[in-house]
Amino acid sequence: MNDRTRTLLAARLAITALCLWFLPPAIAQAAESPRAVVEATTDAVLAVLRDGGLTADDKRRRIEDIVYTRVDFDTLSRLVLAQNWKTLSEAQRADFVREFKRHLSLTYGKSVDNYKNERAAIVSDREETRGDWTVKTKIVRGGPDDIALDYRLRQTDGTWRIIDFIVEGVSLVSNYRSQFQEIMAHGGAERLLELLRDKNAKGEPLKS
């Protein structure tokens, strides 16, 4: 499997994976350990996806409202831009976080339409360097179609929040980092911000 095929596969799988970011604030506050956070998240997500009384638009709006409380977008943005983060001004950093959040929401918000009665199961969890934590799960679709999904969480002010997830061995952070590095190499931070704004206005994903 070449890099382009792998990236495209990761993007498709991420559509399902990103659905698992829903989590009502009350549950977030009650869950203390990384494993408990992920377990509560997946249970809450499945309840929403199975709710026949909600329209797809209702579910998408709930995703956008709730996901912002569950993902540490400041840390995620720094990880995605890596060394390039240091080259941005404070205003550019704020713009990037805002546009990147919106881009992820627009790109993966349609995932609710692809739910096919999957369920989620926690496989294991472990502590990583710097005190981060990985919770390994799988999206159970039946047999060889199961999808491995690892969450990476970091604790800030006593709260565990998602900073990355890895679908079938492909990291969201790494995937976007490679795309953004290429864009910035040819046009700098303003080119990246301009492209994100344009894609967000059109509701389009970045090309893989």
Protein backbone atom coordinates (compact mmCIF):
# COMPACT_ATOMS: atom_id res chain seq x y z
CA MET A 1 0.00 0.00 0.00
CA ASN A 2 1.58 3.31 -1.07
CA ASP A 3 1.50 6.51 1.00
CA ARG A 4 -1.30 8.11 -1.02
CA THR A 5 -3.55 5.04 -0.75
CA ARG A 6 -2.81 4.82 2.97
CA THR A 7 -3.70 8.48 3.46
CA LEU A 8 -6.95 8.13 1.54
CA LEU A 9 -7.86 5.04 3.58
CA ALA A 10 -7.13 6.89 6.80
CA ALA A 11 -9.35 9.77 5.72
CA ARG A 12 -12.26 7.44 5.00
CA LEU A 13 -11.85 5.58 8.26
CA ALA A 14 -11.58 8.86 10.16
CA ILE A 15 -15.14 9.69 9.11
CA THR A 16 -16.33 6.94 11.42
CA ALA A 17 -13.68 7.56 14.04
CA LEU A 18 -14.47 11.23 14.46
CA CYS A 19 -18.06 10.38 15.33
CA LEU A 20 -16.70 9.02 18.59
CA TRP A 21 -15.80 12.51 19.74
CA PHE A 22 -19.33 13.33 20.95
CA LEU A 23 -19.62 13.70 24.71
CA PRO A 24 -22.09 15.66 26.83
CA PRO A 25 -20.31 17.97 29.31
CA ALA A 26 -21.91 16.24 32.31
CA ILE A 27 -20.31 12.95 31.30
CA ALA A 28 -16.98 14.63 30.64
CA GLN A 29 -16.92 16.04 34.14
CA ALA A 30 -17.78 12.73 35.74
CA ALA A 31 -15.16 10.69 33.89
CA GLU A 32 -11.77 10.87 35.60
CA SER A 33 -9.44 8.36 33.95
CA PRO A 34 -8.60 8.32 30.21
CA ARG A 35 -10.25 4.92 29.87
CA ALA A 36 -13.38 6.18 31.60
CA VAL A 37 -13.48 9.24 29.33
CA VAL A 38 -13.32 7.10 26.20
CA GLU A 39 -15.81 4.56 27.53
CA ALA A 40 -18.31 7.27 28.45
CA THR A 41 -17.72 8.95 25.10
CA THR A 42 -18.42 5.88 23.00
CA ASP A 43 -21.50 4.97 25.03
CA ALA A 44 -22.88 8.49 24.62
CA VAL A 45 -22.08 8.56 20.90
CA LEU A 46 -23.85 5.33 20.18
CA ALA A 47 -26.91 6.54 22.07
CA VAL A 48 -27.00 9.67 19.89
CA LEU A 49 -26.45 7.77 16.65
CA ARG A 50 -29.23 5.33 17.49
CA ASP A 51 -31.70 8.07 18.39
CA GLY A 52 -34.30 7.91 15.63
CA GLY A 53 -35.90 11.10 16.89
CA LEU A 54 -32.96 13.24 15.78
CA THR A 55 -32.40 14.41 12.25
CA ALA A 56 -28.96 14.23 10.67
CA ASP A 57 -28.68 18.01 10.95
CA ASP A 58 -29.58 17.85 14.65
CA LYS A 59 -26.84 15.29 15.20
CA ARG A 60 -24.30 17.33 13.29
CA ARG A 61 -25.10 20.41 15.34
CA ARG A 62 -24.65 18.43 18.54
CA ILE A 63 -21.33 17.15 17.27
CA GLU A 64 -20.05 20.65 16.64
CA ASP A 65 -21.23 21.89 20.03
CA ILE A 66 -19.84 18.95 21.97
CA VAL A 67 -16.61 18.10 20.17
CA TYR A 68 -15.13 21.47 21.06
CA THR A 69 -15.31 20.51 24.73
CA ARG A 70 -13.63 17.13 24.25
CA VAL A 71 -10.63 17.91 22.04
CA ASP A 72 -7.70 20.07 23.11
CA PHE A 73 -7.48 22.04 19.87
CA ASP A 74 -4.67 24.27 21.12
CA THR A 75 -2.42 21.27 21.72
CA LEU A 76 -3.65 19.52 18.58
CA SER A 77 -2.80 22.59 16.52
CA ARG A 78 0.70 22.82 17.96
CA LEU A 79 1.31 19.14 17.27
CA VAL A 80 0.02 19.41 13.72
CA LEU A 81 2.19 22.40 12.84
CA ALA A 82 5.23 21.12 14.79
CA GLN A 83 8.19 23.49 14.29
CA ASN A 84 6.11 25.72 12.03
CA TRP A 85 4.03 26.75 15.05
CA LYS A 86 6.93 28.91 16.24
CA THR A 87 6.91 30.88 12.99
CA LEU A 88 3.30 32.06 13.42
CA SER A 89 2.38 35.30 15.15
CA GLU A 90 -0.12 35.21 18.02
CA ALA A 91 -2.84 36.42 15.66
CA GLN A 92 -1.97 33.75 13.10
CA ARG A 93 -2.01 31.05 15.77
CA ALA A 94 -5.49 32.10 16.89
CA ASP A 95 -6.67 32.16 13.27
CA PHE A 96 -5.23 28.71 12.62
CA VAL A 97 -6.84 27.11 15.67
CA ARG A 98 -10.20 28.61 14.72
CA GLU A 99 -10.01 27.62 11.04
CA PHE A 100 -8.63 24.15 11.78
CA LYS A 101 -11.46 23.46 14.24
CA ARG A 102 -13.97 24.55 11.65
CA HIS A 103 -12.27 22.51 8.95
CA LEU A 104 -12.43 19.30 10.98
CA SER A 105 -16.06 19.95 11.79
CA LEU A 106 -16.98 20.54 8.14
CA THR A 107 -14.87 17.66 6.86
CA TYR A 108 -16.11 15.01 9.25
CA GLY A 109 -19.53 16.33 10.24
CA LYS A 110 -21.21 14.20 7.60
CA SER A 111 -20.06 11.05 9.37
CA VAL A 112 -23.45 10.68 11.06
CA ASP A 113 -24.86 9.64 7.70
CA ASN A 114 -22.51 6.65 7.54
CA TYR A 115 -23.50 4.97 10.80
CA LYS A 116 -24.36 1.30 10.20
CA ASN A 117 -25.08 -0.01 13.70
CA GLU A 118 -21.41 -0.30 14.62
CA ARG A 119 -20.42 -0.57 18.25
CA ALA A 120 -17.21 0.32 20.04
CA ALA A 121 -15.11 -1.81 22.37
CA ILE A 122 -12.14 -0.82 24.52
CA VAL A 123 -9.20 -3.16 24.00
CA SER A 124 -6.58 -1.79 26.40
CA ASP A 125 -4.95 1.39 27.70
CA ARG A 126 -1.43 2.44 28.62
CA GLU A 127 0.57 5.42 29.82
CA GLU A 128 2.83 7.13 27.30
CA THR A 129 5.75 9.54 27.59
CA ARG A 130 5.13 12.96 29.15
CA GLY A 131 2.18 11.51 31.02
CA ASP A 132 -0.02 11.17 27.95
CA TRP A 133 -2.32 8.16 27.76
CA THR A 134 -3.39 5.91 24.90
CA VAL A 135 -6.72 4.11 24.94
CA LYS A 136 -6.96 1.40 22.29
CA THR A 137 -10.42 0.64 20.95
CA LYS A 138 -11.98 -0.98 17.94
CA ILE A 139 -15.08 -0.14 15.98
CA VAL A 140 -16.87 -3.46 15.69
CA ARG A 141 -18.36 -3.95 12.26
CA GLY A 142 -18.05 -7.70 12.07
CA GLY A 143 -15.04 -9.89 11.27
CA PRO A 144 -12.22 -8.41 9.17
CA ASP A 145 -14.11 -5.12 8.77
CA ASP A 146 -13.41 -4.08 12.38
CA ILE A 147 -11.49 -0.80 12.61
CA ALA A 148 -8.67 -0.23 15.12
CA LEU A 149 -8.91 3.22 16.70
CA ASP A 150 -6.49 4.52 19.31
CA TYR A 151 -7.17 7.70 21.28
CA ARG A 152 -4.30 9.76 22.67
CA LEU A 153 -5.22 11.94 25.62
CA ARG A 154 -3.39 14.55 27.67
CA GLN A 155 -4.36 15.91 31.07
CA THR A 156 -4.69 19.66 31.44
CA ASP A 157 -5.95 21.29 34.64
CA GLY A 158 -7.13 17.90 35.88
CA THR A 159 -9.15 17.09 32.74
CA TRP A 160 -8.24 14.46 30.16
CA ARG A 161 -8.77 15.70 26.60
CA ILE A 162 -8.11 14.17 23.19
CA ILE A 163 -5.00 15.39 21.35
CA ASP A 164 -4.80 12.79 18.57
CA PHE A 165 -6.28 9.56 17.39
CA ILE A 166 -4.80 6.82 15.24
CA VAL A 167 -6.98 4.91 12.79
CA GLU A 168 -5.50 1.63 11.60
CA GLY A 169 -2.05 2.91 12.50
CA VAL A 170 -2.47 6.29 10.78
CA SER A 171 -2.39 9.37 13.03
CA LEU A 172 -4.62 12.38 12.38
CA VAL A 173 -1.80 14.64 13.58
CA SER A 174 0.78 13.06 11.29
CA ASN A 175 -1.57 13.07 8.31
CA TYR A 176 -2.37 16.78 8.59
CA ARG A 177 1.20 17.66 9.55
CA SER A 178 2.54 16.32 6.25
CA GLN A 179 -0.11 18.24 4.27
CA PHE A 180 0.43 21.51 6.14
CA GLN A 181 4.22 21.32 5.97
CA GLU A 182 4.03 21.05 2.20
CA ILE A 183 1.64 24.00 1.95
CA MET A 184 3.75 26.20 4.22
CA ALA A 185 6.94 25.26 2.39
CA HIS A 186 5.49 26.82 -0.75
CA GLY A 187 3.57 29.77 0.68
CA GLY A 188 4.11 30.19 4.39
CA ALA A 189 1.51 30.60 7.13
CA GLU A 190 -0.66 33.04 5.21
CA ARG A 191 -1.02 30.58 2.33
CA LEU A 192 -2.14 27.86 4.74
CA LEU A 193 -4.64 30.15 6.44
CA GLU A 194 -5.94 31.37 3.09
CA LEU A 195 -6.43 27.81 1.88
CA LEU A 196 -8.23 26.75 5.07
CA ARG A 197 -10.56 29.76 4.87
CA ASP A 198 -11.33 29.03 1.23
CA LYS A 199 -12.02 25.34 1.84
CA ASN A 200 -14.14 26.11 4.89
CA ALA A 201 -16.20 28.65 2.95
CA LYS A 202 -16.86 26.03 0.27
CA GLY A 203 -17.35 23.17 2.75
CA GLU A 204 -14.59 21.21 1.04
CA PRO A 205 -11.82 19.03 2.53
CA LEU A 206 -8.18 19.53 1.74
CA LYS A 207 -6.86 17.26 -0.98
CA SER A 208 -5.04 14.21 0.34
